[in-house]
Amino acid sequence: MNALSSRIDPTQLHMVSRDKVAYLVHEMMFPVNKEKGELLTAATAVLFAIMSERAAMDAHDLYLLGRRILTAPSPHHFKPNVQLEALRDFAGLRANSNPAI
């Protein structure tokens, strides 16, 4: 892959920092954190579909990448991430209108 390529490098994609990903998701969610759960869920689905389409990646493979970043221990991801746990709590509160986490 050359420096001018606009394609996502699969190797780099699978080596992203869990901490950096968690930080970026917080940055993305902050401006919309007061929206209703249904709207947040639909907007997230559209963004996911766009990223899957434009990155020319199978949506299920992209979902599995997200699940791995959230949960799978690995040499780079061996400790819990409080930012990711906070995002899960946020989803429980906002997307599900759940008063208890």
PDB file of N, CA and C in Angstrom:
ATOM      1  N   MET A   1       0.847  -1.170   0.000  1.00  0.00           N
ATOM      2  CA  MET A   1       0.000   0.000   0.000  1.00  0.00           C
ATOM      3  C   MET A   1       0.895   1.236   0.000  1.00  0.00           C
ATOM      4  N   ASN A   2       0.626   2.166  -0.897  1.00  0.00           N
ATOM      5  CA  ASN A   2       1.461   3.361  -0.933  1.00  0.00           C
ATOM      6  C   ASN A   2       0.832   4.494  -0.123  1.00  0.00           C
ATOM      7  N   ALA A   3       1.585   5.532   0.099  1.00  0.00           N
ATOM      8  CA  ALA A   3       1.155   6.641   0.947  1.00  0.00           C
ATOM      9  C   ALA A   3      -0.031   7.391   0.359  1.00  0.00           C
ATOM     10  N   LEU A   4      -0.259   7.282  -0.937  1.00  0.00           N
ATOM     11  CA  LEU A   4      -1.364   8.001  -1.568  1.00  0.00           C
ATOM     12  C   LEU A   4      -2.658   7.206  -1.551  1.00  0.00           C
ATOM     13  N   SER A   5      -2.598   5.976  -1.127  1.00  0.00           N
ATOM     14  CA  SER A   5      -3.780   5.128  -1.121  1.00  0.00           C
ATOM     15  C   SER A   5      -4.801   5.637  -0.103  1.00  0.00           C
ATOM     16  N   SER A   6      -6.069   5.563  -0.485  1.00  0.00           N
ATOM     17  CA  SER A   6      -7.131   5.975   0.425  1.00  0.00           C
ATOM     18  C   SER A   6      -7.804   4.767   1.072  1.00  0.00           C
ATOM     19  N   ARG A   7      -7.281   3.598   0.802  1.00  0.00           N
ATOM     20  CA  ARG A   7      -7.855   2.371   1.368  1.00  0.00           C
ATOM     21  C   ARG A   7      -7.388   2.194   2.806  1.00  0.00           C
ATOM     22  N   ILE A   8      -8.222   1.573   3.588  1.00  0.00           N
ATOM     23  CA  ILE A   8      -7.867   1.279   4.974  1.00  0.00           C
ATOM     24  C   ILE A   8      -6.931   0.081   4.987  1.00  0.00           C
ATOM     25  N   ASP A   9      -5.849   0.211   5.700  1.00  0.00           N
ATOM     26  CA  ASP A   9      -4.872  -0.861   5.827  1.00  0.00           C
ATOM     27  C   ASP A   9      -5.386  -1.844   6.881  1.00  0.00           C
ATOM     28  N   PRO A  10      -5.745  -3.062   6.484  1.00  0.00           N
ATOM     29  CA  PRO A  10      -6.291  -4.028   7.438  1.00  0.00           C
ATOM     30  C   PRO A  10      -5.344  -4.328   8.604  1.00  0.00           C
ATOM     31  N   THR A  11      -4.055  -4.355   8.330  1.00  0.00           N
ATOM     32  CA  THR A  11      -3.098  -4.611   9.405  1.00  0.00           C
ATOM     33  C   THR A  11      -3.156  -3.504  10.445  1.00  0.00           C
ATOM     34  N   GLN A  12      -3.154  -2.260   9.982  1.00  0.00           N
ATOM     35  CA  GLN A  12      -3.239  -1.128  10.906  1.00  0.00           C
ATOM     36  C   GLN A  12      -4.575  -1.112  11.637  1.00  0.00           C
ATOM     37  N   LEU A  13      -5.640  -1.467  10.938  1.00  0.00           N
ATOM     38  CA  LEU A  13      -6.967  -1.491  11.551  1.00  0.00           C
ATOM     39  C   LEU A  13      -7.009  -2.455  12.732  1.00  0.00           C
ATOM     40  N   HIS A  14      -6.367  -3.578  12.598  1.00  0.00           N
ATOM     41  CA  HIS A  14      -6.379  -4.585  13.667  1.00  0.00           C
ATOM     42  C   HIS A  14      -5.337  -4.313  14.747  1.00  0.00           C
ATOM     43  N   MET A  15      -4.572  -3.235  14.602  1.00  0.00           N
ATOM     44  CA  MET A  15      -3.564  -2.892  15.606  1.00  0.00           C
ATOM     45  C   MET A  15      -3.874  -1.573  16.320  1.00  0.00           C
ATOM     46  N   VAL A  16      -5.070  -1.035  16.110  1.00  0.00           N
ATOM     47  CA  VAL A  16      -5.394   0.245  16.739  1.00  0.00           C
ATOM     48  C   VAL A  16      -5.375   0.114  18.257  1.00  0.00           C
ATOM     49  N   SER A  17      -5.083   1.202  18.912  1.00  0.00           N
ATOM     50  CA  SER A  17      -5.046   1.239  20.366  1.00  0.00           C
ATOM     51  C   SER A  17      -6.459   1.269  20.935  1.00  0.00           C
ATOM     52  N   ARG A  18      -6.742   0.354  21.839  1.00  0.00           N
ATOM     53  CA  ARG A  18      -8.044   0.322  22.504  1.00  0.00           C
ATOM     54  C   ARG A  18      -8.308   1.648  23.214  1.00  0.00           C
ATOM     55  N   ASP A  19      -7.306   2.199  23.866  1.00  0.00           N
ATOM     56  CA  ASP A  19      -7.475   3.463  24.585  1.00  0.00           C
ATOM     57  C   ASP A  19      -7.793   4.614  23.630  1.00  0.00           C
ATOM     58  N   LYS A  20      -7.124   4.653  22.487  1.00  0.00           N
ATOM     59  CA  LYS A  20      -7.384   5.713  21.516  1.00  0.00           C
ATOM     60  C   LYS A  20      -8.776   5.570  20.902  1.00  0.00           C
ATOM     61  N   VAL A  21      -9.191   4.345  20.644  1.00  0.00           N
ATOM     62  CA  VAL A  21     -10.527   4.104  20.110  1.00  0.00           C
ATOM     63  C   VAL A  21     -11.582   4.551  21.123  1.00  0.00           C
ATOM     64  N   ALA A  22     -11.400   4.188  22.376  1.00  0.00           N
ATOM     65  CA  ALA A  22     -12.359   4.580  23.419  1.00  0.00           C
ATOM     66  C   ALA A  22     -12.453   6.096  23.522  1.00  0.00           C
ATOM     67  N   TYR A  23     -11.314   6.772  23.475  1.00  0.00           N
ATOM     68  CA  TYR A  23     -11.303   8.234  23.544  1.00  0.00           C
ATOM     69  C   TYR A  23     -12.073   8.836  22.362  1.00  0.00           C
ATOM     70  N   LEU A  24     -11.824   8.318  21.160  1.00  0.00           N
ATOM     71  CA  LEU A  24     -12.474   8.855  19.980  1.00  0.00           C
ATOM     72  C   LEU A  24     -13.982   8.626  20.017  1.00  0.00           C
ATOM     73  N   VAL A  25     -14.417   7.463  20.470  1.00  0.00           N
ATOM     74  CA  VAL A  25     -15.853   7.209  20.560  1.00  0.00           C
ATOM     75  C   VAL A  25     -16.497   8.189  21.540  1.00  0.00           C
ATOM     76  N   HIS A  26     -15.849   8.454  22.664  1.00  0.00           N
ATOM     77  CA  HIS A  26     -16.365   9.461  23.601  1.00  0.00           C
ATOM     78  C   HIS A  26     -16.473  10.823  22.925  1.00  0.00           C
ATOM     79  N   GLU A  27     -15.452  11.198  22.170  1.00  0.00           N
ATOM     80  CA  GLU A  27     -15.471  12.484  21.463  1.00  0.00           C
ATOM     81  C   GLU A  27     -16.617  12.538  20.456  1.00  0.00           C
ATOM     82  N   MET A  28     -16.882  11.424  19.785  1.00  0.00           N
ATOM     83  CA  MET A  28     -17.955  11.377  18.800  1.00  0.00           C
ATOM     84  C   MET A  28     -19.332  11.432  19.466  1.00  0.00           C
ATOM     85  N   MET A  29     -19.461  10.809  20.625  1.00  0.00           N
ATOM     86  CA  MET A  29     -20.767  10.722  21.286  1.00  0.00           C
ATOM     87  C   MET A  29     -21.117  11.956  22.104  1.00  0.00           C
ATOM     88  N   PHE A  30     -20.134  12.699  22.555  1.00  0.00           N
ATOM     89  CA  PHE A  30     -20.398  13.821  23.447  1.00  0.00           C
ATOM     90  C   PHE A  30     -21.401  14.826  22.879  1.00  0.00           C
ATOM     91  N   PRO A  31     -21.248  15.258  21.625  1.00  0.00           N
ATOM     92  CA  PRO A  31     -22.188  16.264  21.112  1.00  0.00           C
ATOM     93  C   PRO A  31     -23.632  15.774  20.981  1.00  0.00           C
ATOM     94  N   VAL A  32     -23.842  14.482  20.947  1.00  0.00           N
ATOM     95  CA  VAL A  32     -25.197  13.953  20.731  1.00  0.00           C
ATOM     96  C   VAL A  32     -25.741  13.203  21.942  1.00  0.00           C
ATOM     97  N   ASN A  33     -25.096  13.335  23.084  1.00  0.00           N
ATOM     98  CA  ASN A  33     -25.456  12.496  24.229  1.00  0.00           C
ATOM     99  C   ASN A  33     -26.824  12.799  24.840  1.00  0.00           C
ATOM    100  N   LYS A  34     -27.490  13.862  24.399  1.00  0.00           N
ATOM    101  CA  LYS A  34     -28.818  14.178  24.935  1.00  0.00           C
ATOM    102  C   LYS A  34     -29.944  13.692  24.020  1.00  0.00           C
ATOM    103  N   GLU A  35     -29.589  13.114  22.883  1.00  0.00           N
ATOM    104  CA  GLU A  35     -30.611  12.638  21.941  1.00  0.00           C
ATOM    105  C   GLU A  35     -31.295  11.383  22.482  1.00  0.00           C
ATOM    106  N   LYS A  36     -32.494  11.124  21.969  1.00  0.00           N
ATOM    107  CA  LYS A  36     -33.240   9.931  22.379  1.00  0.00           C
ATOM    108  C   LYS A  36     -32.518   8.669  21.917  1.00  0.00           C
ATOM    109  N   GLY A  37     -32.708   7.612  22.662  1.00  0.00           N
ATOM    110  CA  GLY A  37     -32.053   6.346  22.360  1.00  0.00           C
ATOM    111  C   GLY A  37     -32.331   5.829  20.967  1.00  0.00           C
ATOM    112  N   GLU A  38     -33.578   5.976  20.510  1.00  0.00           N
ATOM    113  CA  GLU A  38     -33.925   5.488  19.176  1.00  0.00           C
ATOM    114  C   GLU A  38     -33.148   6.245  18.103  1.00  0.00           C
ATOM    115  N   LEU A  39     -33.022   7.557  18.269  1.00  0.00           N
ATOM    116  CA  LEU A  39     -32.297   8.362  17.293  1.00  0.00           C
ATOM    117  C   LEU A  39     -30.804   8.036  17.322  1.00  0.00           C
ATOM    118  N   LEU A  40     -30.243   7.890  18.522  1.00  0.00           N
ATOM    119  CA  LEU A  40     -28.829   7.514  18.642  1.00  0.00           C
ATOM    120  C   LEU A  40     -28.558   6.157  17.997  1.00  0.00           C
ATOM    121  N   THR A  41     -29.449   5.221  18.221  1.00  0.00           N
ATOM    122  CA  THR A  41     -29.267   3.881  17.666  1.00  0.00           C
ATOM    123  C   THR A  41     -29.350   3.905  16.149  1.00  0.00           C
ATOM    124  N   ALA A  42     -30.342   4.607  15.600  1.00  0.00           N
ATOM    125  CA  ALA A  42     -30.483   4.693  14.141  1.00  0.00           C
ATOM    126  C   ALA A  42     -29.287   5.428  13.525  1.00  0.00           C
ATOM    127  N   ALA A  43     -28.846   6.507  14.151  1.00  0.00           N
ATOM    128  CA  ALA A  43     -27.698   7.262  13.633  1.00  0.00           C
ATOM    129  C   ALA A  43     -26.435   6.410  13.661  1.00  0.00           C
ATOM    130  N   THR A  44     -26.262   5.638  14.721  1.00  0.00           N
ATOM    131  CA  THR A  44     -25.107   4.744  14.822  1.00  0.00           C
ATOM    132  C   THR A  44     -25.171   3.676  13.739  1.00  0.00           C
ATOM    133  N   ALA A  45     -26.352   3.146  13.476  1.00  0.00           N
ATOM    134  CA  ALA A  45     -26.512   2.135  12.426  1.00  0.00           C
ATOM    135  C   ALA A  45     -26.155   2.703  11.057  1.00  0.00           C
ATOM    136  N   VAL A  46     -26.580   3.950  10.789  1.00  0.00           N
ATOM    137  CA  VAL A  46     -26.256   4.573   9.505  1.00  0.00           C
ATOM    138  C   VAL A  46     -24.752   4.796   9.394  1.00  0.00           C
ATOM    139  N   LEU A  47     -24.131   5.310  10.444  1.00  0.00           N
ATOM    140  CA  LEU A  47     -22.687   5.526  10.420  1.00  0.00           C
ATOM    141  C   LEU A  47     -21.945   4.206  10.212  1.00  0.00           C
ATOM    142  N   PHE A  48     -22.375   3.169  10.898  1.00  0.00           N
ATOM    143  CA  PHE A  48     -21.767   1.849  10.755  1.00  0.00           C
ATOM    144  C   PHE A  48     -21.895   1.350   9.311  1.00  0.00           C
ATOM    145  N   ALA A  49     -23.088   1.507   8.719  1.00  0.00           N
ATOM    146  CA  ALA A  49     -23.308   1.062   7.341  1.00  0.00           C
ATOM    147  C   ALA A  49     -22.428   1.846   6.371  1.00  0.00           C
ATOM    148  N   ILE A  50     -22.325   3.152   6.576  1.00  0.00           N
ATOM    149  CA  ILE A  50     -21.486   3.980   5.711  1.00  0.00           C
ATOM    150  C   ILE A  50     -20.022   3.564   5.819  1.00  0.00           C
ATOM    151  N   MET A  51     -19.533   3.378   7.037  1.00  0.00           N
ATOM    152  CA  MET A  51     -18.125   3.005   7.216  1.00  0.00           C
ATOM    153  C   MET A  51     -17.848   1.628   6.614  1.00  0.00           C
ATOM    154  N   SER A  52     -18.770   0.710   6.790  1.00  0.00           N
ATOM    155  CA  SER A  52     -18.604  -0.627   6.220  1.00  0.00           C
ATOM    156  C   SER A  52     -18.562  -0.557   4.699  1.00  0.00           C
ATOM    157  N   GLU A  53     -19.481   0.199   4.130  1.00  0.00           N
ATOM    158  CA  GLU A  53     -19.543   0.337   2.674  1.00  0.00           C
ATOM    159  C   GLU A  53     -18.307   1.024   2.121  1.00  0.00           C
ATOM    160  N   ARG A  54     -17.940   2.147   2.692  1.00  0.00           N
ATOM    161  CA  ARG A  54     -16.826   2.942   2.158  1.00  0.00           C
ATOM    162  C   ARG A  54     -15.468   2.295   2.406  1.00  0.00           C
ATOM    163  N   ALA A  55     -15.362   1.512   3.463  1.00  0.00           N
ATOM    164  CA  ALA A  55     -14.111   0.807   3.729  1.00  0.00           C
ATOM    165  C   ALA A  55     -14.053  -0.523   2.978  1.00  0.00           C
ATOM    166  N   ALA A  56     -15.130  -0.838   2.265  1.00  0.00           N
ATOM    167  CA  ALA A  56     -15.240  -2.099   1.519  1.00  0.00           C
ATOM    168  C   ALA A  56     -14.996  -3.289   2.433  1.00  0.00           C
ATOM    169  N   MET A  57     -15.638  -3.231   3.605  1.00  0.00           N
ATOM    170  CA  MET A  57     -15.501  -4.310   4.589  1.00  0.00           C
ATOM    171  C   MET A  57     -16.855  -4.953   4.832  1.00  0.00           C
ATOM    172  N   ASP A  58     -16.838  -6.244   5.047  1.00  0.00           N
ATOM    173  CA  ASP A  58     -18.054  -6.950   5.418  1.00  0.00           C
ATOM    174  C   ASP A  58     -18.537  -6.415   6.761  1.00  0.00           C
ATOM    175  N   ALA A  59     -19.812  -6.091   6.854  1.00  0.00           N
ATOM    176  CA  ALA A  59     -20.362  -5.499   8.075  1.00  0.00           C
ATOM    177  C   ALA A  59     -20.168  -6.422   9.286  1.00  0.00           C
ATOM    178  N   HIS A  60     -20.288  -7.712   9.081  1.00  0.00           N
ATOM    179  CA  HIS A  60     -20.105  -8.638  10.199  1.00  0.00           C
ATOM    180  C   HIS A  60     -18.649  -8.636  10.676  1.00  0.00           C
ATOM    181  N   ASP A  61     -17.708  -8.583   9.747  1.00  0.00           N
ATOM    182  CA  ASP A  61     -16.295  -8.518  10.127  1.00  0.00           C
ATOM    183  C   ASP A  61     -16.000  -7.235  10.905  1.00  0.00           C
ATOM    184  N   LEU A  62     -16.610  -6.140  10.483  1.00  0.00           N
ATOM    185  CA  LEU A  62     -16.427  -4.868  11.184  1.00  0.00           C
ATOM    186  C   LEU A  62     -17.025  -4.935  12.589  1.00  0.00           C
ATOM    187  N   TYR A  63     -18.196  -5.561  12.696  1.00  0.00           N
ATOM    188  CA  TYR A  63     -18.815  -5.762  14.014  1.00  0.00           C
ATOM    189  C   TYR A  63     -17.905  -6.606  14.908  1.00  0.00           C
ATOM    190  N   LEU A  64     -17.352  -7.678  14.360  1.00  0.00           N
ATOM    191  CA  LEU A  64     -16.459  -8.541  15.143  1.00  0.00           C
ATOM    192  C   LEU A  64     -15.213  -7.789  15.607  1.00  0.00           C
ATOM    193  N   LEU A  65     -14.701  -6.882  14.775  1.00  0.00           N
ATOM    194  CA  LEU A  65     -13.574  -6.044  15.187  1.00  0.00           C
ATOM    195  C   LEU A  65     -13.969  -5.209  16.407  1.00  0.00           C
ATOM    196  N   GLY A  66     -15.133  -4.594  16.347  1.00  0.00           N
ATOM    197  CA  GLY A  66     -15.611  -3.812  17.485  1.00  0.00           C
ATOM    198  C   GLY A  66     -15.777  -4.654  18.738  1.00  0.00           C
ATOM    199  N   ARG A  67     -16.324  -5.841  18.601  1.00  0.00           N
ATOM    200  CA  ARG A  67     -16.491  -6.745  19.749  1.00  0.00           C
ATOM    201  C   ARG A  67     -15.129  -7.128  20.328  1.00  0.00           C
ATOM    202  N   ARG A  68     -14.169  -7.371  19.437  1.00  0.00           N
ATOM    203  CA  ARG A  68     -12.830  -7.748  19.913  1.00  0.00           C
ATOM    204  C   ARG A  68     -12.205  -6.597  20.690  1.00  0.00           C
ATOM    205  N   ILE A  69     -12.325  -5.398  20.174  1.00  0.00           N
ATOM    206  CA  ILE A  69     -11.773  -4.243  20.875  1.00  0.00           C
ATOM    207  C   ILE A  69     -12.448  -4.070  22.235  1.00  0.00           C
ATOM    208  N   LEU A  70     -13.740  -4.307  22.296  1.00  0.00           N
ATOM    209  CA  LEU A  70     -14.465  -4.179  23.560  1.00  0.00           C
ATOM    210  C   LEU A  70     -14.099  -5.245  24.578  1.00  0.00           C
ATOM    211  N   THR A  71     -13.890  -6.477  24.125  1.00  0.00           N
ATOM    212  CA  THR A  71     -13.874  -7.580  25.083  1.00  0.00           C
ATOM    213  C   THR A  71     -12.665  -8.494  25.086  1.00  0.00           C
ATOM    214  N   ALA A  72     -12.016  -8.686  23.958  1.00  0.00           N
ATOM    215  CA  ALA A  72     -11.025  -9.757  23.881  1.00  0.00           C
ATOM    216  C   ALA A  72      -9.686  -9.360  24.484  1.00  0.00           C
ATOM    217  N   PRO A  73      -9.175 -10.176  25.397  1.00  0.00           N
ATOM    218  CA  PRO A  73      -7.821  -9.920  25.889  1.00  0.00           C
ATOM    219  C   PRO A  73      -6.810 -10.249  24.792  1.00  0.00           C
ATOM    220  N   SER A  74      -5.774  -9.495  24.732  1.00  0.00           N
ATOM    221  CA  SER A  74      -4.700  -9.731  23.778  1.00  0.00           C
ATOM    222  C   SER A  74      -3.443  -9.094  24.348  1.00  0.00           C
ATOM    223  N   PRO A  75      -2.304  -9.293  23.709  1.00  0.00           N
ATOM    224  CA  PRO A  75      -1.082  -8.670  24.246  1.00  0.00           C
ATOM    225  C   PRO A  75      -1.199  -7.154  24.391  1.00  0.00           C
ATOM    226  N   HIS A  76      -2.008  -6.519  23.532  1.00  0.00           N
ATOM    227  CA  HIS A  76      -2.157  -5.069  23.597  1.00  0.00           C
ATOM    228  C   HIS A  76      -3.361  -4.643  24.432  1.00  0.00           C
ATOM    229  N   HIS A  77      -4.300  -5.551  24.649  1.00  0.00           N
ATOM    230  CA  HIS A  77      -5.545  -5.241  25.344  1.00  0.00           C
ATOM    231  C   HIS A  77      -5.745  -6.226  26.490  1.00  0.00           C
ATOM    232  N   PHE A  78      -5.070  -6.018  27.584  1.00  0.00           N
ATOM    233  CA  PHE A  78      -5.152  -6.992  28.668  1.00  0.00           C
ATOM    234  C   PHE A  78      -5.826  -6.433  29.911  1.00  0.00           C
ATOM    235  N   LYS A  79      -6.153  -5.167  29.921  1.00  0.00           N
ATOM    236  CA  LYS A  79      -6.786  -4.573  31.092  1.00  0.00           C
ATOM    237  C   LYS A  79      -8.132  -3.985  30.698  1.00  0.00           C
ATOM    238  N   PRO A  80      -9.041  -3.870  31.645  1.00  0.00           N
ATOM    239  CA  PRO A  80     -10.314  -3.230  31.323  1.00  0.00           C
ATOM    240  C   PRO A  80     -10.075  -1.760  30.983  1.00  0.00           C
ATOM    241  N   ASN A  81     -10.928  -1.228  30.187  1.00  0.00           N
ATOM    242  CA  ASN A  81     -10.827   0.174  29.810  1.00  0.00           C
ATOM    243  C   ASN A  81     -12.036   0.900  30.384  1.00  0.00           C
ATOM    244  N   VAL A  82     -11.808   1.836  31.287  1.00  0.00           N
ATOM    245  CA  VAL A  82     -12.921   2.523  31.945  1.00  0.00           C
ATOM    246  C   VAL A  82     -13.730   3.348  30.962  1.00  0.00           C
ATOM    247  N   GLN A  83     -13.097   3.873  29.915  1.00  0.00           N
ATOM    248  CA  GLN A  83     -13.849   4.628  28.913  1.00  0.00           C
ATOM    249  C   GLN A  83     -14.836   3.724  28.173  1.00  0.00           C
ATOM    250  N   LEU A  84     -14.408   2.509  27.839  1.00  0.00           N
ATOM    251  CA  LEU A  84     -15.313   1.585  27.160  1.00  0.00           C
ATOM    252  C   LEU A  84     -16.437   1.154  28.087  1.00  0.00           C
ATOM    253  N   GLU A  85     -16.130   0.947  29.347  1.00  0.00           N
ATOM    254  CA  GLU A  85     -17.189   0.598  30.305  1.00  0.00           C
ATOM    255  C   GLU A  85     -18.182   1.753  30.451  1.00  0.00           C
ATOM    256  N   ALA A  86     -17.679   2.983  30.437  1.00  0.00           N
ATOM    257  CA  ALA A  86     -18.562   4.149  30.509  1.00  0.00           C
ATOM    258  C   ALA A  86     -19.459   4.214  29.275  1.00  0.00           C
ATOM    259  N   LEU A  87     -18.927   3.863  28.113  1.00  0.00           N
ATOM    260  CA  LEU A  87     -19.746   3.840  26.899  1.00  0.00           C
ATOM    261  C   LEU A  87     -20.840   2.783  27.000  1.00  0.00           C
ATOM    262  N   ARG A  88     -20.518   1.649  27.544  1.00  0.00           N
ATOM    263  CA  ARG A  88     -21.535   0.609  27.738  1.00  0.00           C
ATOM    264  C   ARG A  88     -22.622   1.091  28.696  1.00  0.00           C
ATOM    265  N   ASP A  89     -22.210   1.759  29.766  1.00  0.00           N
ATOM    266  CA  ASP A  89     -23.182   2.321  30.706  1.00  0.00           C
ATOM    267  C   ASP A  89     -24.053   3.361  30.018  1.00  0.00           C
ATOM    268  N   PHE A  90     -23.431   4.220  29.211  1.00  0.00           N
ATOM    269  CA  PHE A  90     -24.161   5.240  28.472  1.00  0.00           C
ATOM    270  C   PHE A  90     -25.216   4.592  27.577  1.00  0.00           C
ATOM    271  N   ALA A  91     -24.821   3.549  26.856  1.00  0.00           N
ATOM    272  CA  ALA A  91     -25.768   2.864  25.971  1.00  0.00           C
ATOM    273  C   ALA A  91     -26.913   2.259  26.774  1.00  0.00           C
ATOM    274  N   GLY A  92     -26.593   1.697  27.941  1.00  0.00           N
ATOM    275  CA  GLY A  92     -27.642   1.143  28.785  1.00  0.00           C
ATOM    276  C   GLY A  92     -28.613   2.201  29.267  1.00  0.00           C
ATOM    277  N   LEU A  93     -28.106   3.372  29.557  1.00  0.00           N
ATOM    278  CA  LEU A  93     -28.954   4.454  30.050  1.00  0.00           C
ATOM    279  C   LEU A  93     -29.716   5.159  28.934  1.00  0.00           C
ATOM    280  N   ARG A  94     -29.035   5.480  27.828  1.00  0.00           N
ATOM    281  CA  ARG A  94     -29.634   6.296  26.768  1.00  0.00           C
ATOM    282  C   ARG A  94     -30.341   5.466  25.707  1.00  0.00           C
ATOM    283  N   ALA A  95     -29.659   4.481  25.157  1.00  0.00           N
ATOM    284  CA  ALA A  95     -30.248   3.726  24.064  1.00  0.00           C
ATOM    285  C   ALA A  95     -31.385   2.841  24.535  1.00  0.00           C
ATOM    286  N   ASN A  96     -31.296   2.346  25.743  1.00  0.00           N
ATOM    287  CA  ASN A  96     -32.344   1.459  26.257  1.00  0.00           C
ATOM    288  C   ASN A  96     -33.296   2.155  27.214  1.00  0.00           C
ATOM    289  N   SER A  97     -33.077   3.438  27.461  1.00  0.00           N
ATOM    290  CA  SER A  97     -33.876   4.167  28.443  1.00  0.00           C
ATOM    291  C   SER A  97     -33.949   3.399  29.753  1.00  0.00           C
ATOM    292  N   ASN A  98     -32.826   2.807  30.124  1.00  0.00           N
ATOM    293  CA  ASN A  98     -32.748   1.969  31.301  1.00  0.00           C
ATOM    294  C   ASN A  98     -32.318   2.815  32.491  1.00  0.00           C
ATOM    295  N   PRO A  99     -33.157   2.937  33.514  1.00  0.00           N
ATOM    296  CA  PRO A  99     -32.784   3.761  34.656  1.00  0.00           C
ATOM    297  C   PRO A  99     -31.675   3.174  35.508  1.00  0.00           C
ATOM    298  N   ALA A 100     -31.448   1.880  35.375  1.00  0.00           N
ATOM    299  CA  ALA A 100     -30.377   1.223  36.146  1.00  0.00           C
ATOM    300  C   ALA A 100     -29.414   0.581  35.170  1.00  0.00           C
ATOM    301  N   ILE A 101     -28.125   0.729  35.458  1.00  0.00           N
ATOM    302  CA  ILE A 101     -27.113   0.141  34.583  1.00  0.00           C
ATOM    303  C   ILE A 101     -26.928  -1.308  34.953  1.00  0.00           C
TER     304      ILE A 101
END
